[in-house]
Amino acid sequence: MDRNHLERCHDMGAAMNATQTSSAYVSLEAEIPEVLYLGMKQFIGAHPSWDQYRVMSSALAHFLFQNGCEERSVIERYLDDLFTRPEN
């Protein structure tokens, strides 16, 4: 999938949502290397307060912030995850 395809899909989705109430969440399907999956599974097993959705959301916010994203909600998510104390 190239960037233009992703942008076309987003534009089509935005047009469809223009008449509907927008959701705070978007479904995302991605293929990842098995080693990353196994690492995520091991991390979640050791940290029960985390789930796959929180891990992926945190990783994406971290990536976007580190690469110059200035969207307030992304920055807030990044900082919240950075300074949240681990739950035991």
N, C-alpha and C. Protein backbone atom coordinates (compact mmCIF):
# COMPACT_ATOMS: atom_id res chain seq x y z
N MET A 1 0.85 -1.17 0.00
CA MET A 1 0.00 0.00 0.00
C MET A 1 0.90 1.23 0.00
N ASP A 2 0.66 2.15 -0.92
CA ASP A 2 1.46 3.36 -0.96
C ASP A 2 0.75 4.50 -0.23
N ARG A 3 1.46 5.58 -0.06
CA ARG A 3 0.93 6.72 0.69
C ARG A 3 -0.31 7.31 0.02
N ASN A 4 -0.30 7.38 -1.33
CA ASN A 4 -1.45 7.93 -2.04
C ASN A 4 -2.70 7.10 -1.80
N HIS A 5 -2.54 5.77 -1.75
CA HIS A 5 -3.68 4.90 -1.47
C HIS A 5 -4.24 5.19 -0.08
N LEU A 6 -3.36 5.34 0.91
CA LEU A 6 -3.78 5.63 2.26
C LEU A 6 -4.51 6.97 2.33
N GLU A 7 -3.99 7.98 1.63
CA GLU A 7 -4.63 9.29 1.62
C GLU A 7 -5.99 9.24 0.93
N ARG A 8 -6.10 8.48 -0.17
CA ARG A 8 -7.39 8.34 -0.86
C ARG A 8 -8.41 7.68 0.06
N CYS A 9 -7.98 6.65 0.77
CA CYS A 9 -8.88 5.96 1.71
C CYS A 9 -9.31 6.91 2.81
N HIS A 10 -8.39 7.71 3.31
CA HIS A 10 -8.73 8.68 4.37
C HIS A 10 -9.71 9.71 3.85
N ASP A 11 -9.45 10.23 2.63
CA ASP A 11 -10.34 11.23 2.04
C ASP A 11 -11.74 10.67 1.83
N MET A 12 -11.84 9.42 1.37
CA MET A 12 -13.14 8.79 1.17
C MET A 12 -13.85 8.62 2.51
N GLY A 13 -13.10 8.21 3.52
CA GLY A 13 -13.67 8.03 4.85
C GLY A 13 -14.12 9.36 5.44
N ALA A 14 -13.34 10.41 5.21
CA ALA A 14 -13.71 11.73 5.72
C ALA A 14 -14.99 12.22 5.06
N ALA A 15 -15.13 11.97 3.77
CA ALA A 15 -16.35 12.37 3.06
C ALA A 15 -17.55 11.61 3.59
N MET A 16 -17.37 10.33 3.89
CA MET A 16 -18.47 9.53 4.42
C MET A 16 -18.85 9.97 5.82
N ASN A 17 -17.87 10.37 6.63
CA ASN A 17 -18.12 10.79 8.00
C ASN A 17 -18.63 12.22 8.11
N ALA A 18 -18.57 12.96 7.03
CA ALA A 18 -19.00 14.36 7.08
C ALA A 18 -20.47 14.47 7.48
N THR A 19 -21.27 13.49 7.10
CA THR A 19 -22.69 13.54 7.44
C THR A 19 -23.00 12.75 8.70
N GLN A 20 -22.02 11.98 9.21
CA GLN A 20 -22.22 11.18 10.40
C GLN A 20 -21.43 11.78 11.55
N THR A 21 -21.77 11.36 12.76
CA THR A 21 -21.00 11.78 13.92
C THR A 21 -19.65 11.09 13.85
N SER A 22 -18.58 11.85 13.98
CA SER A 22 -17.25 11.24 13.88
C SER A 22 -16.92 10.49 15.16
N SER A 23 -16.17 9.43 15.01
CA SER A 23 -15.75 8.59 16.12
C SER A 23 -14.37 9.01 16.60
N ALA A 24 -14.09 8.78 17.86
CA ALA A 24 -12.78 9.11 18.40
C ALA A 24 -11.76 8.03 18.07
N TYR A 25 -12.22 6.91 17.51
CA TYR A 25 -11.33 5.79 17.19
C TYR A 25 -11.48 5.39 15.74
N VAL A 26 -10.39 4.87 15.20
CA VAL A 26 -10.36 4.37 13.83
C VAL A 26 -9.77 2.97 13.88
N SER A 27 -10.39 2.03 13.17
CA SER A 27 -9.83 0.68 13.09
C SER A 27 -8.63 0.69 12.16
N LEU A 28 -7.63 -0.10 12.52
CA LEU A 28 -6.42 -0.18 11.74
C LEU A 28 -5.97 -1.62 11.71
N GLU A 29 -5.68 -2.11 10.52
CA GLU A 29 -5.16 -3.45 10.38
C GLU A 29 -3.77 -3.35 9.79
N ALA A 30 -2.82 -4.05 10.39
CA ALA A 30 -1.44 -3.97 9.90
C ALA A 30 -0.74 -5.31 10.08
N GLU A 31 0.14 -5.61 9.15
CA GLU A 31 0.99 -6.79 9.28
C GLU A 31 2.30 -6.34 9.89
N ILE A 32 2.73 -7.06 10.91
CA ILE A 32 4.00 -6.74 11.56
C ILE A 32 4.87 -8.00 11.58
N PRO A 33 6.18 -7.82 11.66
CA PRO A 33 7.06 -8.99 11.76
C PRO A 33 6.73 -9.80 13.02
N GLU A 34 6.89 -11.10 12.91
CA GLU A 34 6.57 -12.00 14.02
C GLU A 34 7.36 -11.64 15.27
N VAL A 35 8.60 -11.22 15.12
CA VAL A 35 9.42 -10.88 16.29
C VAL A 35 8.80 -9.71 17.06
N LEU A 36 8.20 -8.74 16.37
CA LEU A 36 7.53 -7.64 17.06
C LEU A 36 6.27 -8.12 17.77
N TYR A 37 5.53 -9.01 17.11
CA TYR A 37 4.34 -9.57 17.73
C TYR A 37 4.70 -10.33 19.01
N LEU A 38 5.74 -11.15 18.94
CA LEU A 38 6.15 -11.91 20.11
C LEU A 38 6.63 -10.99 21.23
N GLY A 39 7.34 -9.93 20.87
CA GLY A 39 7.78 -8.95 21.87
C GLY A 39 6.61 -8.25 22.53
N MET A 40 5.61 -7.89 21.72
CA MET A 40 4.42 -7.24 22.26
C MET A 40 3.67 -8.20 23.19
N LYS A 41 3.54 -9.45 22.76
CA LYS A 41 2.85 -10.46 23.56
C LYS A 41 3.56 -10.66 24.90
N GLN A 42 4.88 -10.71 24.88
CA GLN A 42 5.66 -10.87 26.11
C GLN A 42 5.49 -9.65 27.02
N PHE A 43 5.52 -8.45 26.43
CA PHE A 43 5.36 -7.23 27.21
C PHE A 43 3.99 -7.20 27.88
N ILE A 44 2.94 -7.52 27.12
CA ILE A 44 1.58 -7.50 27.67
C ILE A 44 1.43 -8.55 28.78
N GLY A 45 2.08 -9.70 28.62
CA GLY A 45 2.05 -10.72 29.66
C GLY A 45 2.69 -10.24 30.96
N ALA A 46 3.72 -9.41 30.84
CA ALA A 46 4.42 -8.91 32.02
C ALA A 46 3.78 -7.65 32.59
N HIS A 47 2.91 -6.99 31.82
CA HIS A 47 2.27 -5.74 32.24
C HIS A 47 0.76 -5.84 32.00
N PRO A 48 0.03 -6.43 32.96
CA PRO A 48 -1.40 -6.69 32.75
C PRO A 48 -2.26 -5.44 32.53
N SER A 49 -1.77 -4.27 32.91
CA SER A 49 -2.57 -3.06 32.71
C SER A 49 -2.52 -2.58 31.25
N TRP A 50 -1.68 -3.20 30.44
CA TRP A 50 -1.56 -2.86 29.03
C TRP A 50 -2.28 -3.92 28.20
N ASP A 51 -2.81 -3.51 27.04
CA ASP A 51 -3.34 -4.45 26.07
C ASP A 51 -2.78 -4.08 24.70
N GLN A 52 -3.11 -4.88 23.68
CA GLN A 52 -2.53 -4.64 22.36
C GLN A 52 -2.90 -3.27 21.80
N TYR A 53 -4.08 -2.79 22.13
CA TYR A 53 -4.53 -1.50 21.62
C TYR A 53 -3.74 -0.35 22.25
N ARG A 54 -3.50 -0.46 23.55
CA ARG A 54 -2.73 0.58 24.24
C ARG A 54 -1.28 0.58 23.76
N VAL A 55 -0.70 -0.61 23.56
CA VAL A 55 0.68 -0.70 23.09
C VAL A 55 0.81 -0.07 21.70
N MET A 56 -0.07 -0.44 20.78
CA MET A 56 0.00 0.09 19.42
C MET A 56 -0.25 1.60 19.39
N SER A 57 -1.22 2.06 20.16
CA SER A 57 -1.51 3.49 20.21
C SER A 57 -0.33 4.27 20.77
N SER A 58 0.26 3.74 21.83
CA SER A 58 1.43 4.39 22.43
C SER A 58 2.61 4.42 21.47
N ALA A 59 2.85 3.31 20.78
CA ALA A 59 3.95 3.24 19.83
C ALA A 59 3.75 4.22 18.67
N LEU A 60 2.53 4.31 18.19
CA LEU A 60 2.24 5.22 17.08
C LEU A 60 2.40 6.68 17.53
N ALA A 61 1.90 7.01 18.71
CA ALA A 61 2.05 8.38 19.23
C ALA A 61 3.53 8.72 19.40
N HIS A 62 4.31 7.77 19.92
CA HIS A 62 5.75 7.98 20.09
C HIS A 62 6.42 8.24 18.75
N PHE A 63 6.12 7.41 17.75
CA PHE A 63 6.70 7.57 16.42
C PHE A 63 6.33 8.94 15.82
N LEU A 64 5.06 9.30 15.88
CA LEU A 64 4.62 10.57 15.29
C LEU A 64 5.27 11.76 15.99
N PHE A 65 5.30 11.74 17.32
CA PHE A 65 5.92 12.83 18.07
C PHE A 65 7.41 12.95 17.73
N GLN A 66 8.12 11.83 17.71
CA GLN A 66 9.55 11.85 17.43
C GLN A 66 9.85 12.31 16.01
N ASN A 67 8.86 12.24 15.13
CA ASN A 67 9.06 12.64 13.74
C ASN A 67 8.38 13.96 13.40
N GLY A 68 8.11 14.78 14.42
CA GLY A 68 7.69 16.15 14.20
C GLY A 68 6.21 16.44 14.18
N CYS A 69 5.37 15.49 14.53
CA CYS A 69 3.93 15.76 14.57
C CYS A 69 3.65 16.78 15.67
N GLU A 70 2.87 17.80 15.35
CA GLU A 70 2.55 18.84 16.32
C GLU A 70 1.09 18.83 16.74
N GLU A 71 0.38 17.77 16.42
CA GLU A 71 -1.02 17.62 16.81
C GLU A 71 -1.11 17.48 18.33
N ARG A 72 -1.89 18.34 18.95
CA ARG A 72 -1.96 18.39 20.41
C ARG A 72 -2.31 17.03 21.03
N SER A 73 -3.28 16.33 20.46
CA SER A 73 -3.70 15.06 21.04
C SER A 73 -2.59 14.00 20.96
N VAL A 74 -1.79 14.04 19.90
CA VAL A 74 -0.66 13.11 19.77
C VAL A 74 0.39 13.43 20.83
N ILE A 75 0.69 14.70 21.01
CA ILE A 75 1.68 15.11 22.01
C ILE A 75 1.21 14.73 23.41
N GLU A 76 -0.08 14.95 23.70
CA GLU A 76 -0.62 14.59 25.01
C GLU A 76 -0.52 13.10 25.26
N ARG A 77 -0.85 12.30 24.24
CA ARG A 77 -0.76 10.85 24.39
C ARG A 77 0.67 10.42 24.65
N TYR A 78 1.60 10.98 23.89
CA TYR A 78 3.01 10.66 24.06
C TYR A 78 3.47 10.98 25.48
N LEU A 79 3.18 12.18 25.94
CA LEU A 79 3.62 12.61 27.27
C LEU A 79 2.92 11.82 28.38
N ASP A 80 1.64 11.54 28.21
CA ASP A 80 0.93 10.73 29.21
C ASP A 80 1.58 9.36 29.37
N ASP A 81 1.90 8.72 28.25
CA ASP A 81 2.53 7.40 28.30
C ASP A 81 3.94 7.49 28.85
N LEU A 82 4.62 8.58 28.57
CA LEU A 82 5.99 8.75 29.02
C LEU A 82 6.07 8.90 30.55
N PHE A 83 5.09 9.61 31.13
CA PHE A 83 5.15 9.92 32.55
C PHE A 83 4.15 9.16 33.41
N THR A 84 3.43 8.21 32.84
CA THR A 84 2.49 7.41 33.62
C THR A 84 3.27 6.40 34.43
N ARG A 85 2.97 6.35 35.71
CA ARG A 85 3.62 5.39 36.59
C ARG A 85 3.10 3.99 36.31
N PRO A 86 3.96 3.01 36.36
CA PRO A 86 3.50 1.63 36.14
C PRO A 86 2.56 1.19 37.26
N GLU A 87 1.53 0.44 36.88
CA GLU A 87 0.59 -0.09 37.86
C GLU A 87 1.04 -1.48 38.26
N ASN A 88 1.05 -1.76 39.53
CA ASN A 88 1.46 -3.09 40.01
C ASN A 88 0.29 -3.84 40.59
